[in-house]
Amino acid sequence: MGNAIHDKDSQVKYLKDRLNMFLEVIDTMDPESTDLDDIDRLIKMLDDLENKYDQFKTDWKE
């Protein structure tokens, strides 16, 4: 696993990188051949991103 990210700038960069990765995955998908498992993976990626944001947001309040 990776190292913990504690400073706000690194956390924001992490979130941006993950969002860009998500967008790249969407860009490479063919709508004609996308199946339910693909959609489930996209939803999982968004859920993971949201959870990480919530974790970082808690750090920012401290």
PDB file of N, CA and C in Angstrom:
ATOM      1  N   MET A   1       0.838  -1.171   0.000  1.00  0.00           N
ATOM      2  CA  MET A   1       0.000   0.000   0.000  1.00  0.00           C
ATOM      3  C   MET A   1       0.888   1.241   0.000  1.00  0.00           C
ATOM      4  N   GLY A   2       0.289   2.359  -0.352  1.00  0.00           N
ATOM      5  CA  GLY A   2       1.036   3.605  -0.425  1.00  0.00           C
ATOM      6  C   GLY A   2       1.195   4.244   0.931  1.00  0.00           C
ATOM      7  N   ASN A   3       1.945   5.300   0.939  1.00  0.00           N
ATOM      8  CA  ASN A   3       2.156   6.053   2.171  1.00  0.00           C
ATOM      9  C   ASN A   3       0.943   6.928   2.453  1.00  0.00           C
ATOM     10  N   ALA A   4       0.729   7.227   3.716  1.00  0.00           N
ATOM     11  CA  ALA A   4      -0.359   8.113   4.105  1.00  0.00           C
ATOM     12  C   ALA A   4      -0.079   9.522   3.584  1.00  0.00           C
ATOM     13  N   ILE A   5      -1.143  10.196   3.201  1.00  0.00           N
ATOM     14  CA  ILE A   5      -1.044  11.564   2.697  1.00  0.00           C
ATOM     15  C   ILE A   5      -1.634  12.472   3.773  1.00  0.00           C
ATOM     16  N   HIS A   6      -0.804  13.400   4.286  1.00  0.00           N
ATOM     17  CA  HIS A   6      -1.266  14.209   5.407  1.00  0.00           C
ATOM     18  C   HIS A   6      -1.445  15.686   5.075  1.00  0.00           C
ATOM     19  N   ASP A   7      -0.696  16.214   4.127  1.00  0.00           N
ATOM     20  CA  ASP A   7      -0.848  17.648   3.877  1.00  0.00           C
ATOM     21  C   ASP A   7      -1.929  17.889   2.816  1.00  0.00           C
ATOM     22  N   LYS A   8      -2.599  19.015   2.963  1.00  0.00           N
ATOM     23  CA  LYS A   8      -3.768  19.315   2.131  1.00  0.00           C
ATOM     24  C   LYS A   8      -3.432  19.363   0.645  1.00  0.00           C
ATOM     25  N   ASP A   9      -2.307  19.935   0.270  1.00  0.00           N
ATOM     26  CA  ASP A   9      -1.939  20.020  -1.146  1.00  0.00           C
ATOM     27  C   ASP A   9      -1.789  18.636  -1.767  1.00  0.00           C
ATOM     28  N   SER A  10      -1.160  17.734  -1.048  1.00  0.00           N
ATOM     29  CA  SER A  10      -0.990  16.370  -1.549  1.00  0.00           C
ATOM     30  C   SER A  10      -2.332  15.643  -1.629  1.00  0.00           C
ATOM     31  N   GLN A  11      -3.193  15.914  -0.669  1.00  0.00           N
ATOM     32  CA  GLN A  11      -4.513  15.291  -0.681  1.00  0.00           C
ATOM     33  C   GLN A  11      -5.337  15.770  -1.879  1.00  0.00           C
ATOM     34  N   VAL A  12      -5.297  17.061  -2.156  1.00  0.00           N
ATOM     35  CA  VAL A  12      -6.026  17.612  -3.298  1.00  0.00           C
ATOM     36  C   VAL A  12      -5.458  17.050  -4.602  1.00  0.00           C
ATOM     37  N   LYS A  13      -4.138  16.944  -4.692  1.00  0.00           N
ATOM     38  CA  LYS A  13      -3.510  16.371  -5.882  1.00  0.00           C
ATOM     39  C   LYS A  13      -3.953  14.924  -6.067  1.00  0.00           C
ATOM     40  N   TYR A  14      -3.999  14.167  -4.983  1.00  0.00           N
ATOM     41  CA  TYR A  14      -4.443  12.781  -5.037  1.00  0.00           C
ATOM     42  C   TYR A  14      -5.868  12.701  -5.596  1.00  0.00           C
ATOM     43  N   LEU A  15      -6.754  13.537  -5.067  1.00  0.00           N
ATOM     44  CA  LEU A  15      -8.147  13.524  -5.528  1.00  0.00           C
ATOM     45  C   LEU A  15      -8.246  13.896  -7.006  1.00  0.00           C
ATOM     46  N   LYS A  16      -7.481  14.890  -7.433  1.00  0.00           N
ATOM     47  CA  LYS A  16      -7.484  15.295  -8.843  1.00  0.00           C
ATOM     48  C   LYS A  16      -6.971  14.168  -9.732  1.00  0.00           C
ATOM     49  N   ASP A  17      -5.910  13.526  -9.306  1.00  0.00           N
ATOM     50  CA  ASP A  17      -5.345  12.417 -10.084  1.00  0.00           C
ATOM     51  C   ASP A  17      -6.351  11.278 -10.215  1.00  0.00           C
ATOM     52  N   ARG A  18      -7.016  10.955  -9.126  1.00  0.00           N
ATOM     53  CA  ARG A  18      -8.012   9.874  -9.162  1.00  0.00           C
ATOM     54  C   ARG A  18      -9.202  10.240 -10.034  1.00  0.00           C
ATOM     55  N   LEU A  19      -9.615  11.491  -9.980  1.00  0.00           N
ATOM     56  CA  LEU A  19     -10.720  11.937 -10.825  1.00  0.00           C
ATOM     57  C   LEU A  19     -10.320  11.879 -12.299  1.00  0.00           C
ATOM     58  N   ASN A  20      -9.097  12.303 -12.600  1.00  0.00           N
ATOM     59  CA  ASN A  20      -8.615  12.214 -13.979  1.00  0.00           C
ATOM     60  C   ASN A  20      -8.547  10.770 -14.452  1.00  0.00           C
ATOM     61  N   MET A  21      -8.145   9.868 -13.571  1.00  0.00           N
ATOM     62  CA  MET A  21      -8.105   8.456 -13.921  1.00  0.00           C
ATOM     63  C   MET A  21      -9.519   7.961 -14.248  1.00  0.00           C
ATOM     64  N   PHE A  22     -10.481   8.359 -13.434  1.00  0.00           N
ATOM     65  CA  PHE A  22     -11.873   7.985 -13.671  1.00  0.00           C
ATOM     66  C   PHE A  22     -12.340   8.495 -15.036  1.00  0.00           C
ATOM     67  N   LEU A  23     -12.031   9.747 -15.344  1.00  0.00           N
ATOM     68  CA  LEU A  23     -12.431  10.326 -16.624  1.00  0.00           C
ATOM     69  C   LEU A  23     -11.767   9.613 -17.801  1.00  0.00           C
ATOM     70  N   GLU A  24     -10.523   9.210 -17.634  1.00  0.00           N
ATOM     71  CA  GLU A  24      -9.838   8.468 -18.687  1.00  0.00           C
ATOM     72  C   GLU A  24     -10.507   7.120 -18.936  1.00  0.00           C
ATOM     73  N   VAL A  25     -10.920   6.467 -17.864  1.00  0.00           N
ATOM     74  CA  VAL A  25     -11.612   5.183 -18.008  1.00  0.00           C
ATOM     75  C   VAL A  25     -12.908   5.384 -18.785  1.00  0.00           C
ATOM     76  N   ILE A  26     -13.654   6.409 -18.451  1.00  0.00           N
ATOM     77  CA  ILE A  26     -14.903   6.683 -19.165  1.00  0.00           C
ATOM     78  C   ILE A  26     -14.635   6.969 -20.637  1.00  0.00           C
ATOM     79  N   ASP A  27     -13.600   7.755 -20.909  1.00  0.00           N
ATOM     80  CA  ASP A  27     -13.265   8.095 -22.296  1.00  0.00           C
ATOM     81  C   ASP A  27     -12.919   6.873 -23.134  1.00  0.00           C
ATOM     82  N   THR A  28     -12.349   5.855 -22.517  1.00  0.00           N
ATOM     83  CA  THR A  28     -11.933   4.672 -23.270  1.00  0.00           C
ATOM     84  C   THR A  28     -13.055   3.652 -23.442  1.00  0.00           C
ATOM     85  N   MET A  29     -14.164   3.858 -22.768  1.00  0.00           N
ATOM     86  CA  MET A  29     -15.261   2.889 -22.839  1.00  0.00           C
ATOM     87  C   MET A  29     -16.072   3.079 -24.117  1.00  0.00           C
ATOM     88  N   ASP A  30     -16.461   1.946 -24.684  1.00  0.00           N
ATOM     89  CA  ASP A  30     -17.336   1.946 -25.853  1.00  0.00           C
ATOM     90  C   ASP A  30     -18.771   1.762 -25.359  1.00  0.00           C
ATOM     91  N   PRO A  31     -19.628   2.757 -25.563  1.00  0.00           N
ATOM     92  CA  PRO A  31     -21.000   2.655 -25.063  1.00  0.00           C
ATOM     93  C   PRO A  31     -21.754   1.431 -25.589  1.00  0.00           C
ATOM     94  N   GLU A  32     -21.394   0.985 -26.771  1.00  0.00           N
ATOM     95  CA  GLU A  32     -22.075  -0.166 -27.369  1.00  0.00           C
ATOM     96  C   GLU A  32     -21.699  -1.485 -26.701  1.00  0.00           C
ATOM     97  N   SER A  33     -20.523  -1.537 -26.103  1.00  0.00           N
ATOM     98  CA  SER A  33     -20.079  -2.800 -25.511  1.00  0.00           C
ATOM     99  C   SER A  33     -19.972  -2.743 -23.985  1.00  0.00           C
ATOM    100  N   THR A  34     -20.349  -1.624 -23.393  1.00  0.00           N
ATOM    101  CA  THR A  34     -20.294  -1.486 -21.936  1.00  0.00           C
ATOM    102  C   THR A  34     -21.403  -2.316 -21.309  1.00  0.00           C
ATOM    103  N   ASP A  35     -21.035  -3.128 -20.319  1.00  0.00           N
ATOM    104  CA  ASP A  35     -22.041  -3.955 -19.663  1.00  0.00           C
ATOM    105  C   ASP A  35     -22.227  -3.525 -18.211  1.00  0.00           C
ATOM    106  N   LEU A  36     -23.093  -4.215 -17.522  1.00  0.00           N
ATOM    107  CA  LEU A  36     -23.428  -3.860 -16.142  1.00  0.00           C
ATOM    108  C   LEU A  36     -22.213  -3.932 -15.218  1.00  0.00           C
ATOM    109  N   ASP A  37     -21.321  -4.892 -15.431  1.00  0.00           N
ATOM    110  CA  ASP A  37     -20.116  -4.986 -14.606  1.00  0.00           C
ATOM    111  C   ASP A  37     -19.230  -3.754 -14.768  1.00  0.00           C
ATOM    112  N   ASP A  38     -19.155  -3.241 -15.994  1.00  0.00           N
ATOM    113  CA  ASP A  38     -18.378  -2.020 -16.233  1.00  0.00           C
ATOM    114  C   ASP A  38     -18.967  -0.848 -15.461  1.00  0.00           C
ATOM    115  N   ILE A  39     -20.273  -0.724 -15.493  1.00  0.00           N
ATOM    116  CA  ILE A  39     -20.956   0.359 -14.764  1.00  0.00           C
ATOM    117  C   ILE A  39     -20.742   0.202 -13.263  1.00  0.00           C
ATOM    118  N   ASP A  40     -20.810  -1.030 -12.785  1.00  0.00           N
ATOM    119  CA  ASP A  40     -20.567  -1.278 -11.362  1.00  0.00           C
ATOM    120  C   ASP A  40     -19.161  -0.860 -10.955  1.00  0.00           C
ATOM    121  N   ARG A  41     -18.177  -1.127 -11.816  1.00  0.00           N
ATOM    122  CA  ARG A  41     -16.799  -0.713 -11.519  1.00  0.00           C
ATOM    123  C   ARG A  41     -16.682   0.808 -11.483  1.00  0.00           C
ATOM    124  N   LEU A  42     -17.381   1.491 -12.372  1.00  0.00           N
ATOM    125  CA  LEU A  42     -17.363   2.961 -12.362  1.00  0.00           C
ATOM    126  C   LEU A  42     -17.973   3.499 -11.072  1.00  0.00           C
ATOM    127  N   ILE A  43     -19.066   2.917 -10.672  1.00  0.00           N
ATOM    128  CA  ILE A  43     -19.713   3.338  -9.423  1.00  0.00           C
ATOM    129  C   ILE A  43     -18.787   3.087  -8.239  1.00  0.00           C
ATOM    130  N   LYS A  44     -18.091   1.956  -8.234  1.00  0.00           N
ATOM    131  CA  LYS A  44     -17.139   1.644  -7.167  1.00  0.00           C
ATOM    132  C   LYS A  44     -16.013   2.673  -7.141  1.00  0.00           C
ATOM    133  N   MET A  45     -15.520   3.062  -8.313  1.00  0.00           N
ATOM    134  CA  MET A  45     -14.467   4.081  -8.370  1.00  0.00           C
ATOM    135  C   MET A  45     -14.955   5.392  -7.772  1.00  0.00           C
ATOM    136  N   LEU A  46     -16.184   5.786  -8.100  1.00  0.00           N
ATOM    137  CA  LEU A  46     -16.737   7.027  -7.554  1.00  0.00           C
ATOM    138  C   LEU A  46     -16.940   6.930  -6.045  1.00  0.00           C
ATOM    139  N   ASP A  47     -17.427   5.777  -5.593  1.00  0.00           N
ATOM    140  CA  ASP A  47     -17.613   5.582  -4.150  1.00  0.00           C
ATOM    141  C   ASP A  47     -16.279   5.680  -3.407  1.00  0.00           C
ATOM    142  N   ASP A  48     -15.243   5.064  -3.979  1.00  0.00           N
ATOM    143  CA  ASP A  48     -13.923   5.128  -3.357  1.00  0.00           C
ATOM    144  C   ASP A  48     -13.411   6.566  -3.313  1.00  0.00           C
ATOM    145  N   LEU A  49     -13.616   7.293  -4.392  1.00  0.00           N
ATOM    146  CA  LEU A  49     -13.187   8.689  -4.454  1.00  0.00           C
ATOM    147  C   LEU A  49     -13.944   9.531  -3.423  1.00  0.00           C
ATOM    148  N   GLU A  50     -15.219   9.308  -3.308  1.00  0.00           N
ATOM    149  CA  GLU A  50     -16.023  10.041  -2.326  1.00  0.00           C
ATOM    150  C   GLU A  50     -15.575   9.721  -0.899  1.00  0.00           C
ATOM    151  N   ASN A  51     -15.306   8.454  -0.630  1.00  0.00           N
ATOM    152  CA  ASN A  51     -14.842   8.067   0.708  1.00  0.00           C
ATOM    153  C   ASN A  51     -13.511   8.716   1.047  1.00  0.00           C
ATOM    154  N   LYS A  52     -12.621   8.760   0.070  1.00  0.00           N
ATOM    155  CA  LYS A  52     -11.316   9.392   0.302  1.00  0.00           C
ATOM    156  C   LYS A  52     -11.495  10.889   0.541  1.00  0.00           C
ATOM    157  N   TYR A  53     -12.378  11.522  -0.224  1.00  0.00           N
ATOM    158  CA  TYR A  53     -12.654  12.949  -0.019  1.00  0.00           C
ATOM    159  C   TYR A  53     -13.176  13.186   1.402  1.00  0.00           C
ATOM    160  N   ASP A  54     -14.115  12.362   1.832  1.00  0.00           N
ATOM    161  CA  ASP A  54     -14.658  12.513   3.178  1.00  0.00           C
ATOM    162  C   ASP A  54     -13.567  12.354   4.241  1.00  0.00           C
ATOM    163  N   GLN A  55     -12.661  11.414   4.021  1.00  0.00           N
ATOM    164  CA  GLN A  55     -11.549  11.213   4.948  1.00  0.00           C
ATOM    165  C   GLN A  55     -10.650  12.450   4.984  1.00  0.00           C
ATOM    166  N   PHE A  56     -10.315  12.976   3.814  1.00  0.00           N
ATOM    167  CA  PHE A  56      -9.455  14.151   3.750  1.00  0.00           C
ATOM    168  C   PHE A  56     -10.157  15.367   4.355  1.00  0.00           C
ATOM    169  N   LYS A  57     -11.441  15.509   4.067  1.00  0.00           N
ATOM    170  CA  LYS A  57     -12.198  16.651   4.576  1.00  0.00           C
ATOM    171  C   LYS A  57     -12.139  16.713   6.090  1.00  0.00           C
ATOM    172  N   THR A  58     -12.191  15.558   6.718  1.00  0.00           N
ATOM    173  CA  THR A  58     -12.082  15.487   8.174  1.00  0.00           C
ATOM    174  C   THR A  58     -10.729  16.017   8.626  1.00  0.00           C
ATOM    175  N   ASP A  59      -9.675  15.658   7.898  1.00  0.00           N
ATOM    176  CA  ASP A  59      -8.333  16.168   8.222  1.00  0.00           C
ATOM    177  C   ASP A  59      -8.268  17.687   8.094  1.00  0.00           C
ATOM    178  N   TRP A  60      -8.957  18.237   7.090  1.00  0.00           N
ATOM    179  CA  TRP A  60      -8.893  19.672   6.823  1.00  0.00           C
ATOM    180  C   TRP A  60      -9.555  20.489   7.922  1.00  0.00           C
ATOM    181  N   LYS A  61     -10.491  19.899   8.622  1.00  0.00           N
ATOM    182  CA  LYS A  61     -11.196  20.631   9.685  1.00  0.00           C
ATOM    183  C   LYS A  61     -10.347  20.750  10.939  1.00  0.00           C
ATOM    184  N   GLU A  62      -9.351  19.893  11.069  1.00  0.00           N
ATOM    185  CA  GLU A  62      -8.520  19.890  12.282  1.00  0.00           C
ATOM    186  C   GLU A  62      -7.506  20.987  12.263  1.00  0.00           C
TER     187      GLU A  62
END
